[in-house]
Amino acid sequence: MGEFDLIERFFKRPPQRADVGIGDDCAVWSPRAGYQLAFSADMLVEGRHFLSTVAPHHLGHKALAVNLSDLAACGAVPQAFLLSLSLPHADVHWLSGFTEGLFQLADAHACELIGGDTTQGPLNIAITVMGEVPQGQSILRSGALAGDDLYVSGHLGDARLALEAFRGTVSLPQAVLDAARLRMECPTPRVSLGQSLRGIAHAMADVSDGLLGDLGHILKASQVGAEIDTHIAATLMQTADQWSCPLNLAMTCVMSGGDDYELIFTAPVASSEQVHAAAHACGTRVTRIGRITPTRTLSLLDAKGQAVTTAFRSFDHFA
């Protein structure tokens, strides 16, 4: 199968909102009046971001999900994406599963594929996604204010738990491993929640490299600090109630584990009811895990308000 046969068979679809989609040198898109375009790009590399044993359907889902999560963190509505795909060879079975997972998630968010590139080489998936947000309503990392409550959506730490199991550092019951692996391979981008928090949240980011690392981006951009109630944060693992997870492992997975693709955000104390109403309307839980402080330090506190001295390190590709 040649490159253009591959594109025609697996990726080409009639354009929905694009002026020009797949088939020309460039896609063409007309933005709506009163809206800004939001862009993000992520790359998944075999052996670095995913295991060779991951199901193609799950990989197609995750490749787009990690990009949609970035749009969610800005409060943007997904519109379209570009896919650049490097493949060792044109495997029809693999491509069928990959595109099924990719387009199921894309269709669920009305986000259309409008172009990209394919080439032969090591398995590498790069997506650039585009969304819309009403003029001036993007939720950025730089808006956190001292006194804000600090929240996270959903669950944290399960993807890191799966990774530890694959590394052989922990032995898990099969049901727990299956649940943790699903969280790692098929994250749920919190797109609806991100949009619902426009006008409520002061600052927001998605949790891709670890809670503390991604919170650190907010604190640096906003020039503030934070206190985290670790006894609350340690309960955020979805699999925690399925087995007796050691506390130190749970803390490591929650605080420094990556691949969660949840949202971390700040909001005024007076907006607590609005935050929970928005979360309820989206069917997504949110948990208050701390507060924003005026001093530019990050403090981890136990249930008695005492400092936790354990150091946690988030993911860094070049560290």
C-alpha atoms as a PDB file:
ATOM      1  CA  MET A   1       0.000   0.000   0.000  1.00  0.00           C
ATOM      2  CA  GLY A   2       1.434   3.390  -0.987  1.00  0.00           C
ATOM      3  CA  GLU A   3       1.391   6.554   1.132  1.00  0.00           C
ATOM      4  CA  PHE A   4      -1.512   8.191  -0.686  1.00  0.00           C
ATOM      5  CA  ASP A   5      -3.516   4.960  -0.770  1.00  0.00           C
ATOM      6  CA  LEU A   6      -2.996   4.745   2.997  1.00  0.00           C
ATOM      7  CA  ILE A   7      -4.246   8.303   3.495  1.00  0.00           C
ATOM      8  CA  GLU A   8      -7.232   7.762   1.204  1.00  0.00           C
ATOM      9  CA  ARG A   9      -8.249   4.516   2.904  1.00  0.00           C
ATOM     10  CA  PHE A  10      -7.726   5.353   6.578  1.00  0.00           C
ATOM     11  CA  PHE A  11      -7.644   9.113   7.087  1.00  0.00           C
ATOM     12  CA  LYS A  12      -9.430  11.067   4.366  1.00  0.00           C
ATOM     13  CA  ARG A  13     -12.898  12.294   5.302  1.00  0.00           C
ATOM     14  CA  PRO A  14     -15.135  14.964   3.780  1.00  0.00           C
ATOM     15  CA  PRO A  15     -14.499  18.342   5.468  1.00  0.00           C
ATOM     16  CA  GLN A  16     -17.204  19.397   7.911  1.00  0.00           C
ATOM     17  CA  ARG A  17     -16.309  22.922   8.995  1.00  0.00           C
ATOM     18  CA  ALA A  18     -12.954  23.370   7.269  1.00  0.00           C
ATOM     19  CA  ASP A  19     -12.993  25.397   4.064  1.00  0.00           C
ATOM     20  CA  VAL A  20     -10.384  23.008   2.643  1.00  0.00           C
ATOM     21  CA  GLY A  21      -9.426  19.716   4.271  1.00  0.00           C
ATOM     22  CA  ILE A  22      -7.265  16.726   3.358  1.00  0.00           C
ATOM     23  CA  GLY A  23      -6.142  16.611  -0.268  1.00  0.00           C
ATOM     24  CA  ASP A  24      -4.437  19.974  -0.761  1.00  0.00           C
ATOM     25  CA  ASP A  25      -1.059  21.277   0.348  1.00  0.00           C
ATOM     26  CA  CYS A  26      -2.715  23.260   3.133  1.00  0.00           C
ATOM     27  CA  ALA A  27      -5.949  23.041   5.061  1.00  0.00           C
ATOM     28  CA  VAL A  28      -7.934  26.293   5.184  1.00  0.00           C
ATOM     29  CA  TRP A  29     -10.063  27.393   8.142  1.00  0.00           C
ATOM     30  CA  SER A  30     -12.162  30.528   8.659  1.00  0.00           C
ATOM     31  CA  PRO A  31     -12.378  31.526  12.350  1.00  0.00           C
ATOM     32  CA  ARG A  32     -15.683  32.814  13.668  1.00  0.00           C
ATOM     33  CA  ALA A  33     -16.073  36.465  14.560  1.00  0.00           C
ATOM     34  CA  GLY A  34     -15.649  37.111  18.274  1.00  0.00           C
ATOM     35  CA  TYR A  35     -13.516  34.013  18.888  1.00  0.00           C
ATOM     36  CA  GLN A  36      -9.819  33.362  19.278  1.00  0.00           C
ATOM     37  CA  LEU A  37      -8.084  30.225  18.004  1.00  0.00           C
ATOM     38  CA  ALA A  38      -6.208  28.065  20.513  1.00  0.00           C
ATOM     39  CA  PHE A  39      -3.484  25.689  19.326  1.00  0.00           C
ATOM     40  CA  SER A  40      -1.515  22.907  20.963  1.00  0.00           C
ATOM     41  CA  ALA A  41       0.790  20.105  19.821  1.00  0.00           C
ATOM     42  CA  ASP A  42       1.909  16.843  21.405  1.00  0.00           C
ATOM     43  CA  MET A  43       4.093  14.004  20.204  1.00  0.00           C
ATOM     44  CA  LEU A  44       3.943  10.361  21.304  1.00  0.00           C
ATOM     45  CA  VAL A  45       7.092   8.301  20.744  1.00  0.00           C
ATOM     46  CA  GLU A  46       7.127   4.521  21.117  1.00  0.00           C
ATOM     47  CA  GLY A  47       9.233   3.468  24.087  1.00  0.00           C
ATOM     48  CA  ARG A  48       9.070   6.952  25.590  1.00  0.00           C
ATOM     49  CA  HIS A  49       5.357   7.711  25.853  1.00  0.00           C
ATOM     50  CA  PHE A  50       3.784   4.312  25.281  1.00  0.00           C
ATOM     51  CA  LEU A  51       4.661   0.630  25.341  1.00  0.00           C
ATOM     52  CA  SER A  52       4.889  -1.460  22.188  1.00  0.00           C
ATOM     53  CA  THR A  53       2.151  -3.696  23.639  1.00  0.00           C
ATOM     54  CA  VAL A  54      -0.524  -0.977  23.770  1.00  0.00           C
ATOM     55  CA  ALA A  55      -3.623  -1.763  21.714  1.00  0.00           C
ATOM     56  CA  PRO A  56      -3.789   0.361  18.529  1.00  0.00           C
ATOM     57  CA  HIS A  57      -7.343   1.473  19.440  1.00  0.00           C
ATOM     58  CA  HIS A  58      -6.102   2.809  22.783  1.00  0.00           C
ATOM     59  CA  LEU A  59      -3.133   4.511  21.160  1.00  0.00           C
ATOM     60  CA  GLY A  60      -5.342   6.309  18.642  1.00  0.00           C
ATOM     61  CA  HIS A  61      -7.532   7.511  21.505  1.00  0.00           C
ATOM     62  CA  LYS A  62      -4.616   8.694  23.633  1.00  0.00           C
ATOM     63  CA  ALA A  63      -2.838  10.475  20.783  1.00  0.00           C
ATOM     64  CA  LEU A  64      -5.783  12.851  20.423  1.00  0.00           C
ATOM     65  CA  ALA A  65      -6.799  12.859  24.097  1.00  0.00           C
ATOM     66  CA  VAL A  66      -3.542  14.387  25.292  1.00  0.00           C
ATOM     67  CA  ASN A  67      -4.036  17.267  22.854  1.00  0.00           C
ATOM     68  CA  LEU A  68      -7.687  17.789  23.736  1.00  0.00           C
ATOM     69  CA  SER A  69      -6.595  17.981  27.364  1.00  0.00           C
ATOM     70  CA  ASP A  70      -4.500  21.042  26.522  1.00  0.00           C
ATOM     71  CA  LEU A  71      -7.521  22.707  24.935  1.00  0.00           C
ATOM     72  CA  ALA A  72      -9.577  21.820  28.012  1.00  0.00           C
ATOM     73  CA  ALA A  73      -7.009  23.553  30.216  1.00  0.00           C
ATOM     74  CA  CYS A  74      -7.624  26.815  28.337  1.00  0.00           C
ATOM     75  CA  GLY A  75     -11.415  26.443  28.257  1.00  0.00           C
ATOM     76  CA  ALA A  76     -11.391  26.003  24.475  1.00  0.00           C
ATOM     77  CA  VAL A  77     -13.848  24.099  22.268  1.00  0.00           C
ATOM     78  CA  PRO A  78     -12.108  21.559  19.980  1.00  0.00           C
ATOM     79  CA  GLN A  79     -12.456  22.223  16.264  1.00  0.00           C
ATOM     80  CA  ALA A  80      -9.845  20.426  14.143  1.00  0.00           C
ATOM     81  CA  PHE A  81      -6.481  18.672  14.211  1.00  0.00           C
ATOM     82  CA  LEU A  82      -3.486  17.766  12.058  1.00  0.00           C
ATOM     83  CA  LEU A  83      -1.865  14.323  12.302  1.00  0.00           C
ATOM     84  CA  SER A  84       1.758  13.545  11.424  1.00  0.00           C
ATOM     85  CA  LEU A  85       2.424   9.818  11.574  1.00  0.00           C
ATOM     86  CA  SER A  86       5.677   7.895  11.191  1.00  0.00           C
ATOM     87  CA  LEU A  87       5.129   4.147  10.670  1.00  0.00           C
ATOM     88  CA  PRO A  88       7.612   1.267  10.345  1.00  0.00           C
ATOM     89  CA  HIS A  89       5.312  -0.212   7.685  1.00  0.00           C
ATOM     90  CA  ALA A  90       1.702   0.030   6.482  1.00  0.00           C
ATOM     91  CA  ASP A  91       0.033  -2.505   8.773  1.00  0.00           C
ATOM     92  CA  VAL A  92      -3.659  -2.649   7.835  1.00  0.00           C
ATOM     93  CA  HIS A  93      -4.708  -4.278  11.129  1.00  0.00           C
ATOM     94  CA  TRP A  94      -2.821  -1.689  13.198  1.00  0.00           C
ATOM     95  CA  LEU A  95      -4.128   1.228  11.145  1.00  0.00           C
ATOM     96  CA  SER A  96      -7.719  -0.004  11.422  1.00  0.00           C
ATOM     97  CA  GLY A  97      -7.521  -0.118  15.218  1.00  0.00           C
ATOM     98  CA  PHE A  98      -5.613   3.152  15.512  1.00  0.00           C
ATOM     99  CA  THR A  99      -8.021   5.138  13.346  1.00  0.00           C
ATOM    100  CA  GLU A 100     -11.030   3.599  15.089  1.00  0.00           C
ATOM    101  CA  GLY A 101      -9.831   4.877  18.470  1.00  0.00           C
ATOM    102  CA  LEU A 102      -8.736   8.193  17.003  1.00  0.00           C
ATOM    103  CA  PHE A 103     -11.979   8.968  15.203  1.00  0.00           C
ATOM    104  CA  GLN A 104     -14.246   7.740  18.007  1.00  0.00           C
ATOM    105  CA  LEU A 105     -12.782  10.397  20.293  1.00  0.00           C
ATOM    106  CA  ALA A 106     -12.618  12.986  17.509  1.00  0.00           C
ATOM    107  CA  ASP A 107     -16.280  12.477  16.626  1.00  0.00           C
ATOM    108  CA  ALA A 108     -17.290  12.635  20.304  1.00  0.00           C
ATOM    109  CA  HIS A 109     -15.852  16.167  20.408  1.00  0.00           C
ATOM    110  CA  ALA A 110     -16.751  17.204  16.837  1.00  0.00           C
ATOM    111  CA  CYS A 111     -13.051  17.672  16.111  1.00  0.00           C
ATOM    112  CA  GLU A 112     -12.182  16.922  12.493  1.00  0.00           C
ATOM    113  CA  LEU A 113      -8.943  15.756  10.926  1.00  0.00           C
ATOM    114  CA  ILE A 114      -8.002  18.324   8.268  1.00  0.00           C
ATOM    115  CA  GLY A 115      -4.458  17.370   7.264  1.00  0.00           C
ATOM    116  CA  GLY A 116      -1.013  16.184   8.279  1.00  0.00           C
ATOM    117  CA  ASP A 117       1.761  13.949   6.995  1.00  0.00           C
ATOM    118  CA  THR A 118       2.746  10.281   6.827  1.00  0.00           C
ATOM    119  CA  THR A 119       6.190   8.785   6.432  1.00  0.00           C
ATOM    120  CA  GLN A 120       8.079   5.555   7.042  1.00  0.00           C
ATOM    121  CA  GLY A 121      10.213   5.324  10.170  1.00  0.00           C
ATOM    122  CA  PRO A 122      10.040   4.505  13.897  1.00  0.00           C
ATOM    123  CA  LEU A 123       6.518   4.698  15.301  1.00  0.00           C
ATOM    124  CA  ASN A 124       5.911   8.328  16.181  1.00  0.00           C
ATOM    125  CA  ILE A 125       2.569  10.154  16.430  1.00  0.00           C
ATOM    126  CA  ALA A 126       2.405  13.958  16.407  1.00  0.00           C
ATOM    127  CA  ILE A 127      -0.870  15.877  16.568  1.00  0.00           C
ATOM    128  CA  THR A 128      -1.531  19.602  16.395  1.00  0.00           C
ATOM    129  CA  VAL A 129      -4.997  20.510  17.614  1.00  0.00           C
ATOM    130  CA  MET A 130      -6.994  23.699  17.182  1.00  0.00           C
ATOM    131  CA  GLY A 131      -9.868  25.029  19.245  1.00  0.00           C
ATOM    132  CA  GLU A 132     -11.986  28.134  19.698  1.00  0.00           C
ATOM    133  CA  VAL A 133     -12.540  30.245  22.785  1.00  0.00           C
ATOM    134  CA  PRO A 134     -14.596  33.431  23.100  1.00  0.00           C
ATOM    135  CA  GLN A 135     -12.442  36.540  22.828  1.00  0.00           C
ATOM    136  CA  GLY A 136     -10.629  37.204  26.105  1.00  0.00           C
ATOM    137  CA  GLN A 137     -12.052  34.174  27.939  1.00  0.00           C
ATOM    138  CA  SER A 138      -9.078  31.800  27.772  1.00  0.00           C
ATOM    139  CA  ILE A 139      -8.109  30.381  31.178  1.00  0.00           C
ATOM    140  CA  LEU A 140      -4.340  30.788  31.463  1.00  0.00           C
ATOM    141  CA  ARG A 141      -1.710  29.668  33.939  1.00  0.00           C
ATOM    142  CA  SER A 142      -0.972  33.255  34.938  1.00  0.00           C
ATOM    143  CA  GLY A 143      -4.245  34.177  36.676  1.00  0.00           C
ATOM    144  CA  ALA A 144      -3.961  32.527  40.107  1.00  0.00           C
ATOM    145  CA  LEU A 145      -4.467  34.874  43.056  1.00  0.00           C
ATOM    146  CA  ALA A 146      -3.461  34.552  46.690  1.00  0.00           C
ATOM    147  CA  GLY A 147      -6.423  33.209  48.648  1.00  0.00           C
ATOM    148  CA  ASP A 148      -7.765  31.085  45.776  1.00  0.00           C
ATOM    149  CA  ASP A 149      -8.795  27.517  46.449  1.00  0.00           C
ATOM    150  CA  LEU A 150      -6.809  24.867  44.579  1.00  0.00           C
ATOM    151  CA  TYR A 151      -8.710  22.037  42.849  1.00  0.00           C
ATOM    152  CA  VAL A 152      -8.041  18.991  40.710  1.00  0.00           C
ATOM    153  CA  SER A 153     -10.514  17.090  38.560  1.00  0.00           C
ATOM    154  CA  GLY A 154     -11.081  13.347  38.566  1.00  0.00           C
ATOM    155  CA  HIS A 155      -8.369  11.004  39.808  1.00  0.00           C
ATOM    156  CA  LEU A 156      -4.594  11.161  39.945  1.00  0.00           C
ATOM    157  CA  GLY A 157      -1.830   8.592  40.218  1.00  0.00           C
ATOM    158  CA  ASP A 158      -3.333   5.518  38.552  1.00  0.00           C
ATOM    159  CA  ALA A 159      -1.332   5.870  35.341  1.00  0.00           C
ATOM    160  CA  ARG A 160       1.898   6.092  37.347  1.00  0.00           C
ATOM    161  CA  LEU A 161       0.817   3.019  39.317  1.00  0.00           C
ATOM    162  CA  ALA A 162       0.473   1.075  36.055  1.00  0.00           C
ATOM    163  CA  LEU A 163       3.927   2.247  34.996  1.00  0.00           C
ATOM    164  CA  GLU A 164       5.430   1.057  38.282  1.00  0.00           C
ATOM    165  CA  ALA A 165       3.797  -2.329  37.734  1.00  0.00           C
ATOM    166  CA  PHE A 166       5.296  -2.556  34.237  1.00  0.00           C
ATOM    167  CA  ARG A 167       8.686  -1.599  35.686  1.00  0.00           C
ATOM    168  CA  GLY A 168       8.352  -4.441  38.172  1.00  0.00           C
ATOM    169  CA  THR A 169       8.579  -2.258  41.273  1.00  0.00           C
ATOM    170  CA  VAL A 170       5.109  -3.239  42.497  1.00  0.00           C
ATOM    171  CA  SER A 171       2.898  -6.308  42.128  1.00  0.00           C
ATOM    172  CA  LEU A 172      -0.792  -5.559  41.603  1.00  0.00           C
ATOM    173  CA  PRO A 173      -3.937  -7.701  41.615  1.00  0.00           C
ATOM    174  CA  GLN A 174      -5.014  -8.223  38.000  1.00  0.00           C
ATOM    175  CA  ALA A 175      -8.185  -6.139  38.369  1.00  0.00           C
ATOM    176  CA  VAL A 176      -6.182  -3.217  39.772  1.00  0.00           C
ATOM    177  CA  LEU A 177      -3.569  -3.490  37.028  1.00  0.00           C
ATOM    178  CA  ASP A 178      -6.260  -3.551  34.348  1.00  0.00           C
ATOM    179  CA  ALA A 179      -7.957  -0.457  35.794  1.00  0.00           C
ATOM    180  CA  ALA A 180      -4.681   1.430  36.213  1.00  0.00           C
ATOM    181  CA  ARG A 181      -3.516   0.489  32.716  1.00  0.00           C
ATOM    182  CA  LEU A 182      -6.786   1.742  31.225  1.00  0.00           C
ATOM    183  CA  ARG A 183      -6.234   5.085  32.954  1.00  0.00           C
ATOM    184  CA  MET A 184      -2.739   5.238  31.459  1.00  0.00           C
ATOM    185  CA  GLU A 185      -3.699   4.206  27.935  1.00  0.00           C
ATOM    186  CA  CYS A 186      -7.164   5.813  27.604  1.00  0.00           C
ATOM    187  CA  PRO A 187      -7.233   9.100  29.539  1.00  0.00           C
ATOM    188  CA  THR A 188     -10.388  11.195  29.506  1.00  0.00           C
ATOM    189  CA  PRO A 189      -9.773  14.806  28.455  1.00  0.00           C
ATOM    190  CA  ARG A 190     -11.904  17.108  30.624  1.00  0.00           C
ATOM    191  CA  VAL A 191     -13.101  19.231  27.727  1.00  0.00           C
ATOM    192  CA  SER A 192     -16.582  20.039  29.055  1.00  0.00           C
ATOM    193  CA  LEU A 193     -15.280  20.921  32.499  1.00  0.00           C
ATOM    194  CA  GLY A 194     -12.684  23.272  31.044  1.00  0.00           C
ATOM    195  CA  GLN A 195     -15.346  25.172  29.124  1.00  0.00           C
ATOM    196  CA  SER A 196     -17.694  25.234  32.138  1.00  0.00           C
ATOM    197  CA  LEU A 197     -14.983  26.853  34.277  1.00  0.00           C
ATOM    198  CA  ARG A 198     -14.653  29.903  32.019  1.00  0.00           C
ATOM    199  CA  GLY A 199     -15.475  32.929  34.148  1.00  0.00           C
ATOM    200  CA  ILE A 200     -15.019  30.908  37.346  1.00  0.00           C
ATOM    201  CA  ALA A 201     -11.438  29.603  37.419  1.00  0.00           C
ATOM    202  CA  HIS A 202      -8.627  32.119  37.686  1.00  0.00           C
ATOM    203  CA  ALA A 203      -5.883  29.811  36.380  1.00  0.00           C
ATOM    204  CA  MET A 204      -5.721  26.279  34.997  1.00  0.00           C
ATOM    205  CA  ALA A 205      -3.373  23.669  33.536  1.00  0.00           C
ATOM    206  CA  ASP A 206      -3.664  20.028  32.607  1.00  0.00           C
ATOM    207  CA  VAL A 207      -1.832  17.425  34.683  1.00  0.00           C
ATOM    208  CA  SER A 208       0.362  15.629  32.171  1.00  0.00           C
ATOM    209  CA  ASP A 209       3.801  15.496  33.819  1.00  0.00           C
ATOM    210  CA  GLY A 210       2.692  15.249  37.454  1.00  0.00           C
ATOM    211  CA  LEU A 211       0.636  17.242  39.951  1.00  0.00           C
ATOM    212  CA  LEU A 212       3.509  19.151  41.530  1.00  0.00           C
ATOM    213  CA  GLY A 213       5.278  19.843  38.259  1.00  0.00           C
ATOM    214  CA  ASP A 214       2.201  21.171  36.489  1.00  0.00           C
ATOM    215  CA  LEU A 215       1.104  23.153  39.538  1.00  0.00           C
ATOM    216  CA  GLY A 216       4.587  24.630  39.512  1.00  0.00           C
ATOM    217  CA  HIS A 217       3.914  26.082  36.049  1.00  0.00           C
ATOM    218  CA  ILE A 218       0.845  27.897  37.421  1.00  0.00           C
ATOM    219  CA  LEU A 219       2.734  29.194  40.453  1.00  0.00           C
ATOM    220  CA  LYS A 220       5.622  30.481  38.352  1.00  0.00           C
ATOM    221  CA  ALA A 221       3.379  32.160  35.776  1.00  0.00           C
ATOM    222  CA  SER A 222       1.182  33.712  38.481  1.00  0.00           C
ATOM    223  CA  GLN A 223       4.067  34.590  40.841  1.00  0.00           C
ATOM    224  CA  VAL A 224       2.366  32.995  43.828  1.00  0.00           C
ATOM    225  CA  GLY A 225       2.810  29.962  46.067  1.00  0.00           C
ATOM    226  CA  ALA A 226       0.578  27.160  47.315  1.00  0.00           C
ATOM    227  CA  GLU A 227      -0.161  24.834  50.198  1.00  0.00           C
ATOM    228  CA  ILE A 228      -1.341  21.305  49.418  1.00  0.00           C
ATOM    229  CA  ASP A 229      -3.199  19.130  51.916  1.00  0.00           C
ATOM    230  CA  THR A 230      -1.424  15.858  51.198  1.00  0.00           C
ATOM    231  CA  HIS A 231      -3.839  13.756  53.261  1.00  0.00           C
ATOM    232  CA  ILE A 232      -6.570  14.768  50.791  1.00  0.00           C
ATOM    233  CA  ALA A 233      -4.414  14.468  47.684  1.00  0.00           C
ATOM    234  CA  ALA A 234      -3.278  10.962  48.674  1.00  0.00           C
ATOM    235  CA  THR A 235      -6.876   9.711  48.360  1.00  0.00           C
ATOM    236  CA  LEU A 236      -7.217  10.679  44.696  1.00  0.00           C
ATOM    237  CA  MET A 237      -6.178   7.347  43.146  1.00  0.00           C
ATOM    238  CA  GLN A 238      -9.153   5.650  41.505  1.00  0.00           C
ATOM    239  CA  THR A 239      -7.737   2.212  42.310  1.00  0.00           C
ATOM    240  CA  ALA A 240      -6.989   3.023  45.963  1.00  0.00           C
ATOM    241  CA  ASP A 241     -10.160   1.364  47.251  1.00  0.00           C
ATOM    242  CA  GLN A 242      -9.450  -1.871  45.339  1.00  0.00           C
ATOM    243  CA  TRP A 243      -6.311  -2.849  47.264  1.00  0.00           C
ATOM    244  CA  SER A 244      -4.135  -1.747  50.177  1.00  0.00           C
ATOM    245  CA  CYS A 245      -1.799   0.655  48.456  1.00  0.00           C
ATOM    246  CA  PRO A 246       1.145   1.694  50.684  1.00  0.00           C
ATOM    247  CA  LEU A 247       0.890   5.375  51.578  1.00  0.00           C
ATOM    248  CA  ASN A 248       4.358   6.254  50.297  1.00  0.00           C
ATOM    249  CA  LEU A 249       3.560   4.682  46.909  1.00  0.00           C
ATOM    250  CA  ALA A 250       0.199   6.469  46.723  1.00  0.00           C
ATOM    251  CA  MET A 251       1.879   9.785  47.521  1.00  0.00           C
ATOM    252  CA  THR A 252       4.533   9.252  44.852  1.00  0.00           C
ATOM    253  CA  CYS A 253       1.954   8.300  42.215  1.00  0.00           C
ATOM    254  CA  VAL A 254      -0.355  11.220  43.001  1.00  0.00           C
ATOM    255  CA  MET A 255       2.245  13.931  43.540  1.00  0.00           C
ATOM    256  CA  SER A 256       4.739  13.135  40.809  1.00  0.00           C
ATOM    257  CA  GLY A 257       3.075  10.629  38.486  1.00  0.00           C
ATOM    258  CA  GLY A 258       2.294  11.725  34.943  1.00  0.00           C
ATOM    259  CA  ASP A 259      -0.212  10.766  32.243  1.00  0.00           C
ATOM    260  CA  ASP A 260      -3.262  11.721  34.333  1.00  0.00           C
ATOM    261  CA  TYR A 261      -4.607  14.393  31.952  1.00  0.00           C
ATOM    262  CA  GLU A 262      -6.813  15.883  34.627  1.00  0.00           C
ATOM    263  CA  LEU A 263      -7.202  19.611  35.262  1.00  0.00           C
ATOM    264  CA  ILE A 264      -5.633  21.544  38.104  1.00  0.00           C
ATOM    265  CA  PHE A 265      -7.132  24.970  38.654  1.00  0.00           C
ATOM    266  CA  THR A 266      -7.627  27.813  41.096  1.00  0.00           C
ATOM    267  CA  ALA A 267     -10.842  29.660  41.905  1.00  0.00           C
ATOM    268  CA  PRO A 268     -12.011  32.188  44.508  1.00  0.00           C
ATOM    269  CA  VAL A 269     -13.255  30.749  47.789  1.00  0.00           C
ATOM    270  CA  ALA A 270     -16.603  32.466  47.150  1.00  0.00           C
ATOM    271  CA  SER A 271     -16.986  30.487  43.900  1.00  0.00           C
ATOM    272  CA  SER A 272     -17.011  27.063  45.568  1.00  0.00           C
ATOM    273  CA  GLU A 273     -20.675  26.414  44.769  1.00  0.00           C
ATOM    274  CA  GLN A 274     -20.167  27.453  41.144  1.00  0.00           C
ATOM    275  CA  VAL A 275     -17.150  25.159  40.831  1.00  0.00           C
ATOM    276  CA  HIS A 276     -19.051  22.160  42.140  1.00  0.00           C
ATOM    277  CA  ALA A 277     -22.128  22.984  40.071  1.00  0.00           C
ATOM    278  CA  ALA A 278     -20.003  23.131  36.916  1.00  0.00           C
ATOM    279  CA  ALA A 279     -18.359  19.831  37.800  1.00  0.00           C
ATOM    280  CA  HIS A 280     -21.697  18.178  38.528  1.00  0.00           C
ATOM    281  CA  ALA A 281     -23.134  19.368  35.225  1.00  0.00           C
ATOM    282  CA  CYS A 282     -20.172  17.764  33.420  1.00  0.00           C
ATOM    283  CA  GLY A 283     -20.328  14.528  35.399  1.00  0.00           C
ATOM    284  CA  THR A 284     -16.770  15.073  36.639  1.00  0.00           C
ATOM    285  CA  ARG A 285     -15.698  15.127  40.254  1.00  0.00           C
ATOM    286  CA  VAL A 286     -13.473  17.905  41.542  1.00  0.00           C
ATOM    287  CA  THR A 287     -11.537  17.903  44.809  1.00  0.00           C
ATOM    288  CA  ARG A 288     -10.200  20.878  46.720  1.00  0.00           C
ATOM    289  CA  ILE A 289      -6.620  19.988  47.660  1.00  0.00           C
ATOM    290  CA  GLY A 290      -5.256  23.257  48.988  1.00  0.00           C
ATOM    291  CA  ARG A 291      -4.935  26.988  48.587  1.00  0.00           C
ATOM    292  CA  ILE A 292      -2.883  29.653  46.842  1.00  0.00           C
ATOM    293  CA  THR A 293      -0.549  31.749  49.009  1.00  0.00           C
ATOM    294  CA  PRO A 294       1.179  35.085  48.407  1.00  0.00           C
ATOM    295  CA  THR A 295       4.677  33.743  49.128  1.00  0.00           C
ATOM    296  CA  ARG A 296       6.357  32.024  46.162  1.00  0.00           C
ATOM    297  CA  THR A 297       6.827  28.689  47.899  1.00  0.00           C
ATOM    298  CA  LEU A 298       5.075  25.328  47.571  1.00  0.00           C
ATOM    299  CA  SER A 299       4.315  23.667  50.908  1.00  0.00           C
ATOM    300  CA  LEU A 300       3.025  20.138  51.465  1.00  0.00           C
ATOM    301  CA  LEU A 301       1.047  19.761  54.678  1.00  0.00           C
ATOM    302  CA  ASP A 302      -0.151  16.701  56.593  1.00  0.00           C
ATOM    303  CA  ALA A 303      -3.532  16.345  58.328  1.00  0.00           C
ATOM    304  CA  LYS A 304      -2.209  18.336  61.323  1.00  0.00           C
ATOM    305  CA  GLY A 305      -0.966  21.167  59.168  1.00  0.00           C
ATOM    306  CA  GLN A 306       2.659  20.178  59.626  1.00  0.00           C
ATOM    307  CA  ALA A 307       5.139  20.306  56.752  1.00  0.00           C
ATOM    308  CA  VAL A 308       5.813  17.092  54.832  1.00  0.00           C
ATOM    309  CA  THR A 309       9.513  16.900  54.068  1.00  0.00           C
ATOM    310  CA  THR A 310       9.457  14.096  51.480  1.00  0.00           C
ATOM    311  CA  ALA A 311      10.659  15.308  48.074  1.00  0.00           C
ATOM    312  CA  PHE A 312       8.669  14.418  44.939  1.00  0.00           C
ATOM    313  CA  ARG A 313       9.899  14.833  41.389  1.00  0.00           C
ATOM    314  CA  SER A 314       7.678  15.240  38.347  1.00  0.00           C
ATOM    315  CA  PHE A 315       8.475  14.001  34.850  1.00  0.00           C
ATOM    316  CA  ASP A 316      10.999  15.858  32.708  1.00  0.00           C
ATOM    317  CA  HIS A 317      12.119  14.514  29.321  1.00  0.00           C
ATOM    318  CA  PHE A 318      15.654  15.848  29.712  1.00  0.00           C
ATOM    319  CA  ALA A 319      16.229  15.606  33.467  1.00  0.00           C
END
